[in-house]
């Protein structure tokens, strides 16, 4: 078992290799890749202990990559799912929410309040 940072880099690297191949690879299929990869299967086994544990981490930590590997559409962020009125392909959901917001920006109000007034001098 390695550090969390090393494991996360290894998960992302293995997921990208699998994504390039277009499917979730078994250890044997991963070993049969002829082109050089950034991580070897032996290193992954040292970090995770088993191949199924690596696949489980890919599924849990990177659901967007997992959905692409399974041929499913990418999951929509739950916090903005019902708030965005437009089609998710058209724009970023956060932009729609910021444009629709009728509440004044608290940072703008704070900046306005902290301005030096001419009467104060």
N, C-alpha and C. Protein backbone atom coordinates (compact mmCIF):
# COMPACT_ATOMS: atom_id res chain seq x y z
N UNK A 1 0.84 -1.18 0.00
CA UNK A 1 0.00 0.00 0.00
C UNK A 1 0.89 1.24 0.00
N UNK A 2 0.61 2.12 -0.94
CA UNK A 2 1.37 3.34 -1.04
C UNK A 2 0.61 4.50 -0.45
N UNK A 3 1.20 5.65 -0.58
CA UNK A 3 0.55 6.85 -0.07
C UNK A 3 -0.68 7.17 -0.92
N UNK A 4 -1.55 7.98 -0.39
CA UNK A 4 -2.78 8.33 -1.08
C UNK A 4 -2.48 9.05 -2.39
N UNK A 5 -1.50 9.94 -2.38
CA UNK A 5 -1.16 10.68 -3.59
C UNK A 5 -0.64 9.74 -4.69
N UNK A 6 0.21 8.80 -4.32
CA UNK A 6 0.72 7.84 -5.31
C UNK A 6 -0.39 6.97 -5.86
N UNK A 7 -1.30 6.55 -4.97
CA UNK A 7 -2.41 5.72 -5.43
C UNK A 7 -3.31 6.49 -6.38
N UNK A 8 -3.58 7.77 -6.06
CA UNK A 8 -4.46 8.56 -6.92
C UNK A 8 -3.86 8.75 -8.30
N UNK A 9 -2.56 9.02 -8.36
CA UNK A 9 -1.88 9.16 -9.66
C UNK A 9 -1.94 7.84 -10.42
N UNK A 10 -1.74 6.73 -9.73
CA UNK A 10 -1.78 5.42 -10.38
C UNK A 10 -3.19 5.09 -10.87
N UNK A 11 -4.20 5.44 -10.09
CA UNK A 11 -5.59 5.19 -10.50
C UNK A 11 -5.89 5.97 -11.77
N UNK A 12 -5.54 7.25 -11.76
CA UNK A 12 -5.81 8.10 -12.93
C UNK A 12 -5.06 7.58 -14.16
N UNK A 13 -3.82 7.19 -13.99
CA UNK A 13 -3.02 6.69 -15.11
C UNK A 13 -3.59 5.40 -15.67
N UNK A 14 -3.93 4.46 -14.79
CA UNK A 14 -4.50 3.19 -15.24
C UNK A 14 -5.85 3.41 -15.92
N UNK A 15 -6.64 4.34 -15.38
CA UNK A 15 -7.94 4.63 -15.98
C UNK A 15 -7.77 5.22 -17.38
N UNK A 16 -6.78 6.08 -17.55
CA UNK A 16 -6.54 6.68 -18.87
C UNK A 16 -6.08 5.63 -19.88
N UNK A 17 -5.26 4.69 -19.44
CA UNK A 17 -4.82 3.60 -20.33
C UNK A 17 -6.03 2.77 -20.74
N UNK A 18 -6.90 2.46 -19.78
CA UNK A 18 -8.09 1.68 -20.08
C UNK A 18 -9.03 2.45 -21.00
N UNK A 19 -9.13 3.76 -20.79
CA UNK A 19 -9.97 4.59 -21.63
C UNK A 19 -9.45 4.62 -23.07
N UNK A 20 -8.13 4.66 -23.23
CA UNK A 20 -7.54 4.62 -24.57
C UNK A 20 -7.83 3.29 -25.26
N UNK A 21 -7.87 2.22 -24.47
CA UNK A 21 -8.18 0.90 -25.04
C UNK A 21 -9.69 0.73 -25.26
N UNK A 22 -10.50 1.52 -24.58
CA UNK A 22 -11.94 1.49 -24.80
C UNK A 22 -12.72 0.53 -23.93
N UNK A 23 -12.09 -0.05 -22.93
CA UNK A 23 -12.80 -0.98 -22.05
C UNK A 23 -12.02 -1.16 -20.75
N UNK A 24 -12.68 -1.77 -19.77
CA UNK A 24 -12.02 -2.11 -18.52
C UNK A 24 -11.16 -3.33 -18.79
N UNK A 25 -9.88 -3.20 -18.56
CA UNK A 25 -8.94 -4.27 -18.87
C UNK A 25 -8.72 -5.19 -17.68
N UNK A 26 -8.49 -6.45 -17.97
CA UNK A 26 -8.04 -7.36 -16.93
C UNK A 26 -6.54 -7.17 -16.78
N UNK A 27 -5.97 -7.77 -15.75
CA UNK A 27 -4.52 -7.64 -15.55
C UNK A 27 -3.76 -8.23 -16.73
N UNK A 28 -4.25 -9.36 -17.23
CA UNK A 28 -3.59 -10.01 -18.36
C UNK A 28 -3.65 -9.12 -19.60
N UNK A 29 -4.80 -8.50 -19.85
CA UNK A 29 -4.93 -7.60 -21.00
C UNK A 29 -4.03 -6.38 -20.83
N UNK A 30 -3.93 -5.88 -19.61
CA UNK A 30 -3.06 -4.73 -19.33
C UNK A 30 -1.60 -5.10 -19.60
N UNK A 31 -1.20 -6.31 -19.23
CA UNK A 31 0.16 -6.78 -19.46
C UNK A 31 0.47 -6.95 -20.95
N UNK A 32 -0.55 -7.24 -21.76
CA UNK A 32 -0.37 -7.51 -23.18
C UNK A 32 -0.26 -6.24 -24.02
N UNK A 33 -0.46 -5.07 -23.43
CA UNK A 33 -0.34 -3.82 -24.18
C UNK A 33 1.12 -3.66 -24.61
N UNK A 34 1.33 -3.48 -25.91
CA UNK A 34 2.71 -3.43 -26.42
C UNK A 34 3.33 -2.04 -26.31
N UNK A 35 2.52 -1.01 -26.39
CA UNK A 35 3.08 0.34 -26.28
C UNK A 35 3.44 0.64 -24.82
N UNK A 36 4.38 1.53 -24.60
CA UNK A 36 4.77 1.85 -23.21
C UNK A 36 3.64 2.60 -22.48
N UNK A 37 3.41 2.21 -21.26
CA UNK A 37 2.43 2.90 -20.42
C UNK A 37 3.17 3.56 -19.27
N UNK A 38 2.54 4.53 -18.64
CA UNK A 38 3.19 5.28 -17.57
C UNK A 38 3.33 4.46 -16.29
N UNK A 39 2.56 3.39 -16.18
CA UNK A 39 2.62 2.55 -14.98
C UNK A 39 2.52 1.09 -15.41
N UNK A 40 3.25 0.23 -14.72
CA UNK A 40 3.21 -1.20 -15.03
C UNK A 40 2.23 -1.90 -14.09
N UNK A 41 1.76 -3.05 -14.53
CA UNK A 41 0.77 -3.77 -13.74
C UNK A 41 1.35 -4.21 -12.39
N UNK A 42 2.63 -4.50 -12.34
CA UNK A 42 3.26 -4.89 -11.07
C UNK A 42 3.23 -3.76 -10.06
N UNK A 43 3.45 -2.54 -10.54
CA UNK A 43 3.36 -1.38 -9.63
C UNK A 43 1.94 -1.21 -9.11
N UNK A 44 0.96 -1.41 -9.99
CA UNK A 44 -0.44 -1.30 -9.58
C UNK A 44 -0.78 -2.37 -8.55
N UNK A 45 -0.26 -3.57 -8.75
CA UNK A 45 -0.52 -4.65 -7.79
C UNK A 45 0.12 -4.35 -6.44
N UNK A 46 1.30 -3.74 -6.45
CA UNK A 46 1.94 -3.37 -5.19
C UNK A 46 1.14 -2.30 -4.45
N UNK A 47 0.55 -1.37 -5.20
CA UNK A 47 -0.20 -0.28 -4.57
C UNK A 47 -1.57 -0.72 -4.07
N UNK A 48 -2.24 -1.63 -4.81
CA UNK A 48 -3.63 -1.96 -4.49
C UNK A 48 -3.84 -3.38 -3.97
N UNK A 49 -2.89 -4.26 -4.16
CA UNK A 49 -3.03 -5.61 -3.64
C UNK A 49 -3.73 -6.56 -4.58
N UNK A 50 -4.74 -6.09 -5.30
CA UNK A 50 -5.44 -6.92 -6.27
C UNK A 50 -5.97 -6.04 -7.40
N UNK A 51 -6.19 -6.66 -8.54
CA UNK A 51 -6.67 -5.91 -9.70
C UNK A 51 -8.10 -5.45 -9.49
N UNK A 52 -8.91 -6.27 -8.85
CA UNK A 52 -10.31 -5.88 -8.62
C UNK A 52 -10.40 -4.68 -7.68
N UNK A 53 -9.47 -4.55 -6.76
CA UNK A 53 -9.46 -3.39 -5.87
C UNK A 53 -9.13 -2.13 -6.67
N UNK A 54 -8.20 -2.22 -7.61
CA UNK A 54 -7.88 -1.10 -8.50
C UNK A 54 -9.12 -0.69 -9.30
N UNK A 55 -9.80 -1.66 -9.87
CA UNK A 55 -11.00 -1.37 -10.67
C UNK A 55 -12.07 -0.74 -9.79
N UNK A 56 -12.20 -1.20 -8.55
CA UNK A 56 -13.16 -0.61 -7.62
C UNK A 56 -12.84 0.84 -7.31
N UNK A 57 -11.56 1.15 -7.16
CA UNK A 57 -11.15 2.53 -6.91
C UNK A 57 -11.43 3.42 -8.12
N UNK A 58 -11.22 2.89 -9.33
CA UNK A 58 -11.53 3.67 -10.54
C UNK A 58 -13.03 3.98 -10.56
N UNK A 59 -13.84 2.98 -10.26
CA UNK A 59 -15.29 3.16 -10.27
C UNK A 59 -15.74 4.17 -9.22
N UNK A 60 -15.15 4.11 -8.04
CA UNK A 60 -15.57 4.98 -6.93
C UNK A 60 -15.02 6.39 -7.05
N UNK A 61 -13.74 6.53 -7.39
CA UNK A 61 -13.09 7.84 -7.37
C UNK A 61 -13.25 8.64 -8.66
N UNK A 62 -13.48 7.96 -9.78
CA UNK A 62 -13.59 8.65 -11.07
C UNK A 62 -14.83 8.16 -11.82
N UNK A 63 -16.03 8.54 -11.36
CA UNK A 63 -17.25 8.03 -12.00
C UNK A 63 -17.41 8.50 -13.44
N UNK A 64 -16.84 9.64 -13.80
CA UNK A 64 -16.94 10.11 -15.18
C UNK A 64 -16.16 9.19 -16.12
N UNK A 65 -14.95 8.81 -15.73
CA UNK A 65 -14.15 7.89 -16.55
C UNK A 65 -14.81 6.51 -16.57
N UNK A 66 -15.33 6.08 -15.43
CA UNK A 66 -15.99 4.77 -15.34
C UNK A 66 -17.19 4.71 -16.29
N UNK A 67 -17.97 5.79 -16.34
CA UNK A 67 -19.13 5.81 -17.22
C UNK A 67 -18.70 5.71 -18.68
N UNK A 68 -17.61 6.35 -19.04
CA UNK A 68 -17.11 6.26 -20.41
C UNK A 68 -16.61 4.85 -20.72
N UNK A 69 -15.99 4.21 -19.74
CA UNK A 69 -15.52 2.84 -19.94
C UNK A 69 -16.69 1.88 -20.12
N UNK A 70 -17.80 2.14 -19.43
CA UNK A 70 -18.96 1.28 -19.51
C UNK A 70 -19.86 1.62 -20.69
N UNK A 71 -19.56 2.72 -21.39
CA UNK A 71 -20.38 3.13 -22.53
C UNK A 71 -21.63 3.88 -22.12
N UNK A 72 -21.67 4.37 -20.91
CA UNK A 72 -22.82 5.12 -20.41
C UNK A 72 -22.53 6.61 -20.57
N UNK A 73 -23.58 7.45 -20.59
CA UNK A 73 -23.33 8.90 -20.60
C UNK A 73 -22.72 9.33 -19.28
N UNK A 74 -21.93 10.38 -19.31
CA UNK A 74 -21.28 10.88 -18.10
C UNK A 74 -22.32 11.32 -17.09
N UNK A 75 -22.11 11.05 -15.79
CA UNK A 75 -23.10 11.44 -14.78
C UNK A 75 -23.16 12.95 -14.64
N UNK A 76 -24.38 13.45 -14.39
CA UNK A 76 -24.60 14.88 -14.18
C UNK A 76 -24.34 15.20 -12.72
N UNK A 77 -23.72 16.33 -12.47
CA UNK A 77 -23.47 16.73 -11.09
C UNK A 77 -24.81 16.86 -10.37
N UNK A 78 -24.93 16.23 -9.21
CA UNK A 78 -26.20 16.20 -8.50
C UNK A 78 -26.62 17.56 -7.96
N UNK A 79 -25.68 18.38 -7.54
CA UNK A 79 -26.06 19.64 -6.92
C UNK A 79 -26.68 20.62 -7.90
N UNK A 80 -26.36 20.50 -9.21
CA UNK A 80 -26.90 21.41 -10.21
C UNK A 80 -27.90 20.72 -11.13
N UNK A 81 -28.27 19.49 -10.88
CA UNK A 81 -29.05 18.71 -11.82
C UNK A 81 -30.40 19.36 -12.13
N UNK A 82 -31.17 19.81 -11.15
CA UNK A 82 -32.47 20.38 -11.43
C UNK A 82 -32.46 21.91 -11.47
N UNK A 83 -31.35 22.55 -11.22
CA UNK A 83 -31.30 24.00 -11.21
C UNK A 83 -31.03 24.59 -12.59
N UNK A 84 -30.34 23.89 -13.45
CA UNK A 84 -29.94 24.42 -14.74
C UNK A 84 -31.07 24.25 -15.75
N UNK A 85 -31.56 25.34 -16.36
CA UNK A 85 -32.68 25.24 -17.29
C UNK A 85 -32.28 24.79 -18.69
N UNK A 86 -31.01 24.87 -19.02
CA UNK A 86 -30.60 24.56 -20.39
C UNK A 86 -30.07 23.14 -20.50
N UNK A 87 -29.84 22.72 -21.73
CA UNK A 87 -29.30 21.41 -22.02
C UNK A 87 -27.85 21.34 -21.53
N UNK A 88 -27.42 20.26 -20.84
CA UNK A 88 -26.07 20.19 -20.31
C UNK A 88 -24.98 20.30 -21.38
N UNK A 89 -25.31 19.99 -22.62
CA UNK A 89 -24.31 20.07 -23.68
C UNK A 89 -24.04 21.51 -24.11
N UNK A 90 -24.99 22.41 -23.85
CA UNK A 90 -24.85 23.78 -24.33
C UNK A 90 -23.88 24.61 -23.51
N UNK A 91 -23.89 24.46 -22.19
CA UNK A 91 -23.04 25.32 -21.36
C UNK A 91 -22.74 24.63 -20.03
N UNK A 92 -21.88 25.26 -19.28
CA UNK A 92 -21.54 24.78 -17.94
C UNK A 92 -22.71 25.10 -17.00
N UNK A 93 -23.19 24.14 -16.19
CA UNK A 93 -24.32 24.40 -15.31
C UNK A 93 -24.08 25.55 -14.34
N UNK A 94 -22.85 25.73 -13.90
CA UNK A 94 -22.57 26.80 -12.95
C UNK A 94 -22.77 28.17 -13.58
N UNK A 95 -22.48 28.30 -14.88
CA UNK A 95 -22.67 29.59 -15.55
C UNK A 95 -24.15 29.95 -15.59
N UNK A 96 -25.01 28.97 -15.85
CA UNK A 96 -26.45 29.25 -15.91
C UNK A 96 -26.96 29.72 -14.56
N UNK A 97 -26.50 29.10 -13.51
CA UNK A 97 -26.95 29.45 -12.17
C UNK A 97 -26.49 30.86 -11.81
N UNK A 98 -25.25 31.20 -12.18
CA UNK A 98 -24.74 32.54 -11.88
C UNK A 98 -25.51 33.60 -12.64
N UNK A 99 -25.91 33.32 -13.90
CA UNK A 99 -26.64 34.29 -14.68
C UNK A 99 -28.05 34.48 -14.15
N UNK A 100 -28.70 33.41 -13.69
CA UNK A 100 -30.07 33.48 -13.21
C UNK A 100 -30.19 34.06 -11.82
N UNK A 101 -29.13 34.08 -11.07
CA UNK A 101 -29.20 34.49 -9.68
C UNK A 101 -29.72 35.92 -9.55
N UNK A 102 -30.79 36.07 -8.78
CA UNK A 102 -31.38 37.40 -8.59
C UNK A 102 -30.82 38.08 -7.34
N UNK A 103 -30.11 37.32 -6.54
CA UNK A 103 -29.53 37.88 -5.33
C UNK A 103 -28.30 38.71 -5.68
N UNK A 104 -28.08 39.82 -4.97
CA UNK A 104 -26.88 40.62 -5.25
C UNK A 104 -25.63 39.87 -4.81
N UNK A 105 -24.55 40.16 -5.47
CA UNK A 105 -23.28 39.53 -5.16
C UNK A 105 -22.78 40.06 -3.82
N UNK A 106 -22.54 39.19 -2.81
CA UNK A 106 -22.10 39.68 -1.50
C UNK A 106 -20.72 40.33 -1.55
N UNK A 107 -19.87 39.87 -2.45
CA UNK A 107 -18.54 40.48 -2.54
C UNK A 107 -18.62 41.89 -3.12
N UNK A 108 -19.54 42.10 -4.06
CA UNK A 108 -19.71 43.44 -4.61
C UNK A 108 -20.23 44.39 -3.55
N UNK A 109 -21.17 43.92 -2.73
CA UNK A 109 -21.71 44.75 -1.65
C UNK A 109 -20.62 45.08 -0.63
N UNK A 110 -19.76 44.11 -0.34
CA UNK A 110 -18.68 44.33 0.61
C UNK A 110 -17.66 45.33 0.05
N UNK A 111 -17.35 45.21 -1.24
CA UNK A 111 -16.41 46.15 -1.86
C UNK A 111 -16.98 47.57 -1.86
N UNK A 112 -18.28 47.67 -2.11
CA UNK A 112 -18.92 48.99 -2.13
C UNK A 112 -18.91 49.59 -0.73
N UNK A 113 -19.12 48.78 0.29
CA UNK A 113 -19.16 49.27 1.67
C UNK A 113 -17.77 49.69 2.16
N UNK A 114 -16.73 49.08 1.61
CA UNK A 114 -15.38 49.39 2.08
C UNK A 114 -14.73 50.55 1.29
N UNK A 115 -15.42 51.09 0.30
CA UNK A 115 -14.89 52.23 -0.46
C UNK A 115 -14.78 53.45 0.46
N UNK A 116 -13.78 54.25 0.24
CA UNK A 116 -13.58 55.47 1.00
C UNK A 116 -14.55 56.53 0.48
N UNK A 117 -15.34 57.06 1.37
CA UNK A 117 -16.30 58.09 0.99
C UNK A 117 -15.63 59.45 1.11
N UNK A 118 -16.09 60.38 0.30
CA UNK A 118 -15.50 61.73 0.32
C UNK A 118 -15.80 62.45 1.63
N UNK A 119 -16.92 62.17 2.28
CA UNK A 119 -17.30 62.83 3.52
C UNK A 119 -16.44 62.37 4.69
N UNK A 120 -15.87 61.18 4.58
CA UNK A 120 -15.10 60.62 5.69
C UNK A 120 -13.75 61.32 5.86
N UNK A 121 -13.25 61.97 4.87
CA UNK A 121 -11.91 62.55 4.95
C UNK A 121 -11.88 63.79 5.73
